[in-house]
Amino acid sequence: MNRKQRRAMEKQLGEDSTKNLSEKIFQFNQLPDECNACVKPFDKQDKVMVESWNVVVREDKDTVRLYCPDCWDKAQKVVAEYMKQKEQEDDSTTIVD
């Protein structure tokens, strides 16, 4: 790779990074002010809340959802239980010769 190609690549990566950062900032401004599940208030200025709450971004619909730690833990447990149950169902339907 020659010097001209490297510079072109760095320039391209820089533009993509700038675009990506501006999209993230825009999405941060779209954060709701409360948990989407339990409607617990969210303070964007509280560092502990910002670090502990979970944000889910659906890129296909450009939706931003916010979940408090309690609701997130409950959802994770439900998903784990569902996966365990699904695995047991798959094991019971497998025919062993």
PDB file of N, CA and C in Angstrom:
ATOM      1  N   MET A   1       0.854  -1.167   0.000  1.00  0.00           N
ATOM      2  CA  MET A   1       0.000   0.000   0.000  1.00  0.00           C
ATOM      3  C   MET A   1       0.906   1.238   0.000  1.00  0.00           C
ATOM      4  N   ASN A   2       0.660   2.114  -0.954  1.00  0.00           N
ATOM      5  CA  ASN A   2       1.518   3.290  -1.021  1.00  0.00           C
ATOM      6  C   ASN A   2       0.971   4.433  -0.162  1.00  0.00           C
ATOM      7  N   ARG A   3       1.714   5.487  -0.122  1.00  0.00           N
ATOM      8  CA  ARG A   3       1.394   6.627   0.750  1.00  0.00           C
ATOM      9  C   ARG A   3       0.051   7.256   0.386  1.00  0.00           C
ATOM     10  N   LYS A   4      -0.218   7.400  -0.886  1.00  0.00           N
ATOM     11  CA  LYS A   4      -1.471   7.997  -1.334  1.00  0.00           C
ATOM     12  C   LYS A   4      -2.667   7.146  -0.882  1.00  0.00           C
ATOM     13  N   GLN A   5      -2.535   5.843  -0.990  1.00  0.00           N
ATOM     14  CA  GLN A   5      -3.609   4.944  -0.575  1.00  0.00           C
ATOM     15  C   GLN A   5      -3.834   5.003   0.938  1.00  0.00           C
ATOM     16  N   ARG A   6      -2.737   5.053   1.704  1.00  0.00           N
ATOM     17  CA  ARG A   6      -2.858   5.151   3.162  1.00  0.00           C
ATOM     18  C   ARG A   6      -3.571   6.426   3.572  1.00  0.00           C
ATOM     19  N   ARG A   7      -3.192   7.541   2.953  1.00  0.00           N
ATOM     20  CA  ARG A   7      -3.838   8.818   3.285  1.00  0.00           C
ATOM     21  C   ARG A   7      -5.319   8.794   2.925  1.00  0.00           C
ATOM     22  N   ALA A   8      -5.637   8.220   1.793  1.00  0.00           N
ATOM     23  CA  ALA A   8      -7.044   8.121   1.392  1.00  0.00           C
ATOM     24  C   ALA A   8      -7.824   7.266   2.387  1.00  0.00           C
ATOM     25  N   MET A   9      -7.207   6.167   2.832  1.00  0.00           N
ATOM     26  CA  MET A   9      -7.870   5.301   3.799  1.00  0.00           C
ATOM     27  C   MET A   9      -8.069   6.017   5.132  1.00  0.00           C
ATOM     28  N   GLU A  10      -7.051   6.716   5.613  1.00  0.00           N
ATOM     29  CA  GLU A  10      -7.166   7.454   6.870  1.00  0.00           C
ATOM     30  C   GLU A  10      -8.226   8.538   6.771  1.00  0.00           C
ATOM     31  N   LYS A  11      -8.284   9.205   5.641  1.00  0.00           N
ATOM     32  CA  LYS A  11      -9.289  10.237   5.444  1.00  0.00           C
ATOM     33  C   LYS A  11     -10.688   9.627   5.490  1.00  0.00           C
ATOM     34  N   GLN A  12     -10.865   8.502   4.832  1.00  0.00           N
ATOM     35  CA  GLN A  12     -12.152   7.827   4.819  1.00  0.00           C
ATOM     36  C   GLN A  12     -12.547   7.364   6.218  1.00  0.00           C
ATOM     37  N   LEU A  13     -11.635   6.780   6.943  1.00  0.00           N
ATOM     38  CA  LEU A  13     -11.926   6.329   8.303  1.00  0.00           C
ATOM     39  C   LEU A  13     -12.276   7.501   9.193  1.00  0.00           C
ATOM     40  N   GLY A  14     -11.623   8.604   9.008  1.00  0.00           N
ATOM     41  CA  GLY A  14     -11.907   9.794   9.802  1.00  0.00           C
ATOM     42  C   GLY A  14     -13.310  10.314   9.558  1.00  0.00           C
ATOM     43  N   GLU A  15     -13.736  10.323   8.312  1.00  0.00           N
ATOM     44  CA  GLU A  15     -15.076  10.780   7.984  1.00  0.00           C
ATOM     45  C   GLU A  15     -16.127   9.846   8.565  1.00  0.00           C
ATOM     46  N   ASP A  16     -15.890   8.558   8.467  1.00  0.00           N
ATOM     47  CA  ASP A  16     -16.826   7.589   9.034  1.00  0.00           C
ATOM     48  C   ASP A  16     -16.904   7.726  10.548  1.00  0.00           C
ATOM     49  N   SER A  17     -15.765   7.939  11.175  1.00  0.00           N
ATOM     50  CA  SER A  17     -15.741   8.094  12.627  1.00  0.00           C
ATOM     51  C   SER A  17     -16.508   9.335  13.050  1.00  0.00           C
ATOM     52  N   THR A  18     -16.334  10.422  12.317  1.00  0.00           N
ATOM     53  CA  THR A  18     -17.047  11.659  12.628  1.00  0.00           C
ATOM     54  C   THR A  18     -18.548  11.467  12.460  1.00  0.00           C
ATOM     55  N   LYS A  19     -18.949  10.806  11.386  1.00  0.00           N
ATOM     56  CA  LYS A  19     -20.364  10.542  11.155  1.00  0.00           C
ATOM     57  C   LYS A  19     -20.930   9.649  12.252  1.00  0.00           C
ATOM     58  N   ASN A  20     -20.189   8.620  12.622  1.00  0.00           N
ATOM     59  CA  ASN A  20     -20.618   7.692  13.667  1.00  0.00           C
ATOM     60  C   ASN A  20     -20.792   8.419  14.997  1.00  0.00           C
ATOM     61  N   LEU A  21     -19.842   9.293  15.328  1.00  0.00           N
ATOM     62  CA  LEU A  21     -19.926  10.043  16.573  1.00  0.00           C
ATOM     63  C   LEU A  21     -21.135  10.965  16.582  1.00  0.00           C
ATOM     64  N   SER A  22     -21.391  11.645  15.484  1.00  0.00           N
ATOM     65  CA  SER A  22     -22.541  12.549  15.434  1.00  0.00           C
ATOM     66  C   SER A  22     -23.857  11.777  15.563  1.00  0.00           C
ATOM     67  N   GLU A  23     -23.921  10.555  15.002  1.00  0.00           N
ATOM     68  CA  GLU A  23     -25.112   9.730  15.158  1.00  0.00           C
ATOM     69  C   GLU A  23     -25.313   9.327  16.609  1.00  0.00           C
ATOM     70  N   LYS A  24     -24.222   8.969  17.295  1.00  0.00           N
ATOM     71  CA  LYS A  24     -24.313   8.583  18.707  1.00  0.00           C
ATOM     72  C   LYS A  24     -24.784   9.755  19.564  1.00  0.00           C
ATOM     73  N   ILE A  25     -24.271  10.943  19.287  1.00  0.00           N
ATOM     74  CA  ILE A  25     -24.686  12.125  20.046  1.00  0.00           C
ATOM     75  C   ILE A  25     -26.168  12.401  19.807  1.00  0.00           C
ATOM     76  N   PHE A  26     -26.614  12.281  18.573  1.00  0.00           N
ATOM     77  CA  PHE A  26     -28.024  12.487  18.258  1.00  0.00           C
ATOM     78  C   PHE A  26     -28.892  11.475  18.996  1.00  0.00           C
ATOM     79  N   GLN A  27     -28.462  10.212  19.028  1.00  0.00           N
ATOM     80  CA  GLN A  27     -29.223   9.181  19.725  1.00  0.00           C
ATOM     81  C   GLN A  27     -29.241   9.429  21.229  1.00  0.00           C
ATOM     82  N   PHE A  28     -28.140   9.959  21.788  1.00  0.00           N
ATOM     83  CA  PHE A  28     -28.122  10.260  23.213  1.00  0.00           C
ATOM     84  C   PHE A  28     -29.162  11.326  23.538  1.00  0.00           C
ATOM     85  N   ASN A  29     -29.355  12.267  22.638  1.00  0.00           N
ATOM     86  CA  ASN A  29     -30.370  13.298  22.852  1.00  0.00           C
ATOM     87  C   ASN A  29     -31.778  12.732  22.770  1.00  0.00           C
ATOM     88  N   GLN A  30     -31.935  11.572  22.152  1.00  0.00           N
ATOM     89  CA  GLN A  30     -33.241  10.931  22.044  1.00  0.00           C
ATOM     90  C   GLN A  30     -33.558  10.019  23.232  1.00  0.00           C
ATOM     91  N   LEU A  31     -32.643   9.910  24.189  1.00  0.00           N
ATOM     92  CA  LEU A  31     -32.889   9.051  25.350  1.00  0.00           C
ATOM     93  C   LEU A  31     -34.153   9.489  26.082  1.00  0.00           C
ATOM     94  N   PRO A  32     -34.986   8.538  26.444  1.00  0.00           N
ATOM     95  CA  PRO A  32     -36.180   8.891  27.227  1.00  0.00           C
ATOM     96  C   PRO A  32     -35.791   9.363  28.630  1.00  0.00           C
ATOM     97  N   ASP A  33     -36.727   9.961  29.320  1.00  0.00           N
ATOM     98  CA  ASP A  33     -36.493  10.460  30.669  1.00  0.00           C
ATOM     99  C   ASP A  33     -36.921   9.470  31.737  1.00  0.00           C
ATOM    100  N   GLU A  34     -37.302   8.264  31.307  1.00  0.00           N
ATOM    101  CA  GLU A  34     -37.777   7.251  32.251  1.00  0.00           C
ATOM    102  C   GLU A  34     -37.560   5.858  31.676  1.00  0.00           C
ATOM    103  N   CYS A  35     -37.625   4.876  32.544  1.00  0.00           N
ATOM    104  CA  CYS A  35     -37.498   3.474  32.134  1.00  0.00           C
ATOM    105  C   CYS A  35     -38.696   3.111  31.253  1.00  0.00           C
ATOM    106  N   ASN A  36     -38.442   2.411  30.169  1.00  0.00           N
ATOM    107  CA  ASN A  36     -39.524   2.035  29.266  1.00  0.00           C
ATOM    108  C   ASN A  36     -40.450   0.983  29.864  1.00  0.00           C
ATOM    109  N   ALA A  37     -40.001   0.272  30.876  1.00  0.00           N
ATOM    110  CA  ALA A  37     -40.827  -0.785  31.462  1.00  0.00           C
ATOM    111  C   ALA A  37     -41.591  -0.318  32.704  1.00  0.00           C
ATOM    112  N   CYS A  38     -40.894   0.315  33.649  1.00  0.00           N
ATOM    113  CA  CYS A  38     -41.539   0.651  34.926  1.00  0.00           C
ATOM    114  C   CYS A  38     -41.747   2.145  35.125  1.00  0.00           C
ATOM    115  N   VAL A  39     -41.337   2.963  34.208  1.00  0.00           N
ATOM    116  CA  VAL A  39     -41.507   4.417  34.220  1.00  0.00           C
ATOM    117  C   VAL A  39     -40.770   5.078  35.388  1.00  0.00           C
ATOM    118  N   LYS A  40     -39.697   4.444  35.846  1.00  0.00           N
ATOM    119  CA  LYS A  40     -38.851   5.050  36.872  1.00  0.00           C
ATOM    120  C   LYS A  40     -38.086   6.207  36.224  1.00  0.00           C
ATOM    121  N   PRO A  41     -38.026   7.390  36.869  1.00  0.00           N
ATOM    122  CA  PRO A  41     -37.358   8.543  36.248  1.00  0.00           C
ATOM    123  C   PRO A  41     -35.856   8.330  36.082  1.00  0.00           C
ATOM    124  N   PHE A  42     -35.315   8.895  35.003  1.00  0.00           N
ATOM    125  CA  PHE A  42     -33.896   8.794  34.672  1.00  0.00           C
ATOM    126  C   PHE A  42     -33.300  10.192  34.611  1.00  0.00           C
ATOM    127  N   ASP A  43     -32.178  10.379  35.310  1.00  0.00           N
ATOM    128  CA  ASP A  43     -31.484  11.662  35.323  1.00  0.00           C
ATOM    129  C   ASP A  43     -30.202  11.537  34.523  1.00  0.00           C
ATOM    130  N   LYS A  44     -30.118  12.229  33.392  1.00  0.00           N
ATOM    131  CA  LYS A  44     -28.947  12.151  32.517  1.00  0.00           C
ATOM    132  C   LYS A  44     -27.699  12.739  33.170  1.00  0.00           C
ATOM    133  N   GLN A  45     -27.874  13.546  34.196  1.00  0.00           N
ATOM    134  CA  GLN A  45     -26.747  14.186  34.869  1.00  0.00           C
ATOM    135  C   GLN A  45     -26.147  13.316  35.970  1.00  0.00           C
ATOM    136  N   ASP A  46     -26.856  12.262  36.388  1.00  0.00           N
ATOM    137  CA  ASP A  46     -26.393  11.380  37.453  1.00  0.00           C
ATOM    138  C   ASP A  46     -25.467  10.313  36.862  1.00  0.00           C
ATOM    139  N   LYS A  47     -24.190  10.382  37.217  1.00  0.00           N
ATOM    140  CA  LYS A  47     -23.185   9.477  36.654  1.00  0.00           C
ATOM    141  C   LYS A  47     -23.489   8.009  36.973  1.00  0.00           C
ATOM    142  N   VAL A  48     -23.960   7.735  38.176  1.00  0.00           N
ATOM    143  CA  VAL A  48     -24.273   6.357  38.572  1.00  0.00           C
ATOM    144  C   VAL A  48     -25.395   5.801  37.694  1.00  0.00           C
ATOM    145  N   MET A  49     -26.427   6.617  37.459  1.00  0.00           N
ATOM    146  CA  MET A  49     -27.534   6.168  36.606  1.00  0.00           C
ATOM    147  C   MET A  49     -27.059   5.929  35.178  1.00  0.00           C
ATOM    148  N   VAL A  50     -26.271   6.831  34.676  1.00  0.00           N
ATOM    149  CA  VAL A  50     -25.788   6.708  33.297  1.00  0.00           C
ATOM    150  C   VAL A  50     -24.980   5.430  33.125  1.00  0.00           C
ATOM    151  N   GLU A  51     -24.205   5.061  34.119  1.00  0.00           N
ATOM    152  CA  GLU A  51     -23.369   3.873  34.019  1.00  0.00           C
ATOM    153  C   GLU A  51     -24.120   2.576  34.305  1.00  0.00           C
ATOM    154  N   SER A  52     -25.218   2.627  35.039  1.00  0.00           N
ATOM    155  CA  SER A  52     -25.889   1.396  35.448  1.00  0.00           C
ATOM    156  C   SER A  52     -27.134   1.065  34.613  1.00  0.00           C
ATOM    157  N   TRP A  53     -27.757   2.052  34.010  1.00  0.00           N
ATOM    158  CA  TRP A  53     -28.945   1.790  33.200  1.00  0.00           C
ATOM    159  C   TRP A  53     -28.528   1.254  31.836  1.00  0.00           C
ATOM    160  N   ASN A  54     -29.441   0.533  31.176  1.00  0.00           N
ATOM    161  CA  ASN A  54     -29.144  -0.096  29.886  1.00  0.00           C
ATOM    162  C   ASN A  54     -29.923   0.584  28.764  1.00  0.00           C
ATOM    163  N   VAL A  55     -29.220   0.831  27.684  1.00  0.00           N
ATOM    164  CA  VAL A  55     -29.804   1.460  26.507  1.00  0.00           C
ATOM    165  C   VAL A  55     -29.830   0.437  25.383  1.00  0.00           C
ATOM    166  N   VAL A  56     -30.973   0.327  24.719  1.00  0.00           N
ATOM    167  CA  VAL A  56     -31.119  -0.562  23.576  1.00  0.00           C
ATOM    168  C   VAL A  56     -31.475   0.296  22.372  1.00  0.00           C
ATOM    169  N   VAL A  57     -30.658   0.194  21.332  1.00  0.00           N
ATOM    170  CA  VAL A  57     -30.881   0.976  20.118  1.00  0.00           C
ATOM    171  C   VAL A  57     -31.201   0.023  18.989  1.00  0.00           C
ATOM    172  N   ARG A  58     -32.357   0.202  18.381  1.00  0.00           N
ATOM    173  CA  ARG A  58     -32.750  -0.575  17.212  1.00  0.00           C
ATOM    174  C   ARG A  58     -32.429   0.274  15.994  1.00  0.00           C
ATOM    175  N   GLU A  59     -31.390  -0.101  15.277  1.00  0.00           N
ATOM    176  CA  GLU A  59     -30.936   0.708  14.149  1.00  0.00           C
ATOM    177  C   GLU A  59     -31.917   0.680  12.981  1.00  0.00           C
ATOM    178  N   ASP A  60     -32.639  -0.427  12.820  1.00  0.00           N
ATOM    179  CA  ASP A  60     -33.567  -0.501  11.700  1.00  0.00           C
ATOM    180  C   ASP A  60     -34.734   0.475  11.855  1.00  0.00           C
ATOM    181  N   LYS A  61     -35.112   0.766  13.084  1.00  0.00           N
ATOM    182  CA  LYS A  61     -36.224   1.686  13.339  1.00  0.00           C
ATOM    183  C   LYS A  61     -35.764   2.983  14.001  1.00  0.00           C
ATOM    184  N   ASP A  62     -34.484   3.098  14.284  1.00  0.00           N
ATOM    185  CA  ASP A  62     -33.922   4.274  14.964  1.00  0.00           C
ATOM    186  C   ASP A  62     -34.634   4.568  16.283  1.00  0.00           C
ATOM    187  N   THR A  63     -34.977   3.509  17.014  1.00  0.00           N
ATOM    188  CA  THR A  63     -35.599   3.692  18.314  1.00  0.00           C
ATOM    189  C   THR A  63     -34.565   3.493  19.412  1.00  0.00           C
ATOM    190  N   VAL A  64     -34.697   4.306  20.454  1.00  0.00           N
ATOM    191  CA  VAL A  64     -33.802   4.236  21.605  1.00  0.00           C
ATOM    192  C   VAL A  64     -34.668   3.915  22.813  1.00  0.00           C
ATOM    193  N   ARG A  65     -34.346   2.814  23.477  1.00  0.00           N
ATOM    194  CA  ARG A  65     -35.102   2.414  24.668  1.00  0.00           C
ATOM    195  C   ARG A  65     -34.168   2.393  25.863  1.00  0.00           C
ATOM    196  N   LEU A  66     -34.703   2.707  27.029  1.00  0.00           N
ATOM    197  CA  LEU A  66     -33.932   2.824  28.254  1.00  0.00           C
ATOM    198  C   LEU A  66     -34.551   1.945  29.326  1.00  0.00           C
ATOM    199  N   TYR A  67     -33.712   1.173  30.026  1.00  0.00           N
ATOM    200  CA  TYR A  67     -34.204   0.259  31.056  1.00  0.00           C
ATOM    201  C   TYR A  67     -33.386   0.409  32.333  1.00  0.00           C
ATOM    202  N   CYS A  68     -34.082   0.449  33.463  1.00  0.00           N
ATOM    203  CA  CYS A  68     -33.402   0.532  34.754  1.00  0.00           C
ATOM    204  C   CYS A  68     -32.786  -0.834  35.076  1.00  0.00           C
ATOM    205  N   PRO A  69     -31.849  -0.888  36.016  1.00  0.00           N
ATOM    206  CA  PRO A  69     -31.193  -2.164  36.343  1.00  0.00           C
ATOM    207  C   PRO A  69     -32.166  -3.254  36.808  1.00  0.00           C
ATOM    208  N   ASP A  70     -33.196  -2.878  37.570  1.00  0.00           N
ATOM    209  CA  ASP A  70     -34.154  -3.873  38.056  1.00  0.00           C
ATOM    210  C   ASP A  70     -34.912  -4.524  36.898  1.00  0.00           C
ATOM    211  N   CYS A  71     -35.421  -3.702  35.997  1.00  0.00           N
ATOM    212  CA  CYS A  71     -36.166  -4.234  34.849  1.00  0.00           C
ATOM    213  C   CYS A  71     -35.251  -5.027  33.927  1.00  0.00           C
ATOM    214  N   TRP A  72     -34.017  -4.564  33.770  1.00  0.00           N
ATOM    215  CA  TRP A  72     -33.074  -5.273  32.908  1.00  0.00           C
ATOM    216  C   TRP A  72     -32.761  -6.660  33.470  1.00  0.00           C
ATOM    217  N   ASP A  73     -32.554  -6.747  34.797  1.00  0.00           N
ATOM    218  CA  ASP A  73     -32.280  -8.040  35.429  1.00  0.00           C
ATOM    219  C   ASP A  73     -33.466  -8.987  35.283  1.00  0.00           C
ATOM    220  N   LYS A  74     -34.682  -8.462  35.476  1.00  0.00           N
ATOM    221  CA  LYS A  74     -35.876  -9.293  35.319  1.00  0.00           C
ATOM    222  C   LYS A  74     -35.977  -9.823  33.893  1.00  0.00           C
ATOM    223  N   ALA A  75     -35.730  -8.966  32.928  1.00  0.00           N
ATOM    224  CA  ALA A  75     -35.808  -9.377  31.524  1.00  0.00           C
ATOM    225  C   ALA A  75     -34.746 -10.432  31.204  1.00  0.00           C
ATOM    226  N   GLN A  76     -33.544 -10.265  31.746  1.00  0.00           N
ATOM    227  CA  GLN A  76     -32.474 -11.238  31.509  1.00  0.00           C
ATOM    228  C   GLN A  76     -32.845 -12.598  32.091  1.00  0.00           C
ATOM    229  N   LYS A  77     -33.468 -12.602  33.279  1.00  0.00           N
ATOM    230  CA  LYS A  77     -33.891 -13.862  33.899  1.00  0.00           C
ATOM    231  C   LYS A  77     -34.980 -14.544  33.077  1.00  0.00           C
ATOM    232  N   VAL A  78     -35.918 -13.756  32.565  1.00  0.00           N
ATOM    233  CA  VAL A  78     -36.993 -14.314  31.743  1.00  0.00           C
ATOM    234  C   VAL A  78     -36.414 -14.935  30.471  1.00  0.00           C
ATOM    235  N   VAL A  79     -35.485 -14.250  29.838  1.00  0.00           N
ATOM    236  CA  VAL A  79     -34.860 -14.767  28.619  1.00  0.00           C
ATOM    237  C   VAL A  79     -34.072 -16.047  28.913  1.00  0.00           C
ATOM    238  N   ALA A  80     -33.327 -16.051  30.009  1.00  0.00           N
ATOM    239  CA  ALA A  80     -32.553 -17.244  30.374  1.00  0.00           C
ATOM    240  C   ALA A  80     -33.484 -18.424  30.647  1.00  0.00           C
ATOM    241  N   GLU A  81     -34.575 -18.176  31.337  1.00  0.00           N
ATOM    242  CA  GLU A  81     -35.540 -19.235  31.628  1.00  0.00           C
ATOM    243  C   GLU A  81     -36.179 -19.747  30.343  1.00  0.00           C
ATOM    244  N   TYR A  82     -36.502 -18.837  29.441  1.00  0.00           N
ATOM    245  CA  TYR A  82     -37.084 -19.240  28.160  1.00  0.00           C
ATOM    246  C   TYR A  82     -36.109 -20.097  27.358  1.00  0.00           C
ATOM    247  N   MET A  83     -34.854 -19.680  27.317  1.00  0.00           N
ATOM    248  CA  MET A  83     -33.845 -20.443  26.573  1.00  0.00           C
ATOM    249  C   MET A  83     -33.649 -21.827  27.187  1.00  0.00           C
ATOM    250  N   LYS A  84     -33.665 -21.905  28.511  1.00  0.00           N
ATOM    251  CA  LYS A  84     -33.521 -23.188  29.201  1.00  0.00           C
ATOM    252  C   LYS A  84     -34.709 -24.092  28.869  1.00  0.00           C
ATOM    253  N   GLN A  85     -35.910 -23.527  28.913  1.00  0.00           N
ATOM    254  CA  GLN A  85     -37.110 -24.296  28.609  1.00  0.00           C
ATOM    255  C   GLN A  85     -37.099 -24.753  27.143  1.00  0.00           C
ATOM    256  N   LYS A  86     -36.689 -23.878  26.258  1.00  0.00           N
ATOM    257  CA  LYS A  86     -36.614 -24.210  24.831  1.00  0.00           C
ATOM    258  C   LYS A  86     -35.610 -25.341  24.592  1.00  0.00           C
ATOM    259  N   GLU A  87     -34.488 -25.282  25.288  1.00  0.00           N
ATOM    260  CA  GLU A  87     -33.468 -26.321  25.169  1.00  0.00           C
ATOM    261  C   GLU A  87     -34.004 -27.660  25.661  1.00  0.00           C
ATOM    262  N   GLN A  88     -34.742 -27.651  26.764  1.00  0.00           N
ATOM    263  CA  GLN A  88     -35.325 -28.885  27.286  1.00  0.00           C
ATOM    264  C   GLN A  88     -36.355 -29.456  26.313  1.00  0.00           C
ATOM    265  N   GLU A  89     -37.144 -28.582  25.692  1.00  0.00           N
ATOM    266  CA  GLU A  89     -38.121 -29.044  24.715  1.00  0.00           C
ATOM    267  C   GLU A  89     -37.426 -29.664  23.510  1.00  0.00           C
ATOM    268  N   ASP A  90     -36.335 -29.045  23.070  1.00  0.00           N
ATOM    269  CA  ASP A  90     -35.585 -29.573  21.933  1.00  0.00           C
ATOM    270  C   ASP A  90     -34.978 -30.930  22.274  1.00  0.00           C
ATOM    271  N   ASP A  91     -34.487 -31.079  23.500  1.00  0.00           N
ATOM    272  CA  ASP A  91     -33.897 -32.348  23.928  1.00  0.00           C
ATOM    273  C   ASP A  91     -34.955 -33.442  24.008  1.00  0.00           C
ATOM    274  N   SER A  92     -36.158 -33.098  24.445  1.00  0.00           N
ATOM    275  CA  SER A  92     -37.222 -34.107  24.599  1.00  0.00           C
ATOM    276  C   SER A  92     -37.807 -34.524  23.255  1.00  0.00           C
ATOM    277  N   THR A  93     -37.711 -33.671  22.237  1.00  0.00           N
ATOM    278  CA  THR A  93     -38.257 -34.022  20.930  1.00  0.00           C
ATOM    279  C   THR A  93     -37.241 -34.711  20.039  1.00  0.00           C
ATOM    280  N   THR A  94     -35.983 -34.758  20.441  1.00  0.00           N
ATOM    281  CA  THR A  94     -34.954 -35.433  19.657  1.00  0.00           C
ATOM    282  C   THR A  94     -35.113 -36.935  19.790  1.00  0.00           C
ATOM    283  N   ILE A  95     -35.148 -37.593  18.662  1.00  0.00           N
ATOM    284  CA  ILE A  95     -35.321 -39.056  18.648  1.00  0.00           C
ATOM    285  C   ILE A  95     -33.931 -39.690  18.703  1.00  0.00           C
ATOM    286  N   VAL A  96     -33.765 -40.587  19.656  1.00  0.00           N
ATOM    287  CA  VAL A  96     -32.495 -41.270  19.835  1.00  0.00           C
ATOM    288  C   VAL A  96     -32.641 -42.678  19.293  1.00  0.00           C
ATOM    289  N   ASP A  97     -31.746 -43.084  18.372  1.00  0.00           N
ATOM    290  CA  ASP A  97     -31.803 -44.441  17.802  1.00  0.00           C
ATOM    291  C   ASP A  97     -31.024 -45.407  18.634  1.00  0.00           C
TER     292      ASP A  97
END
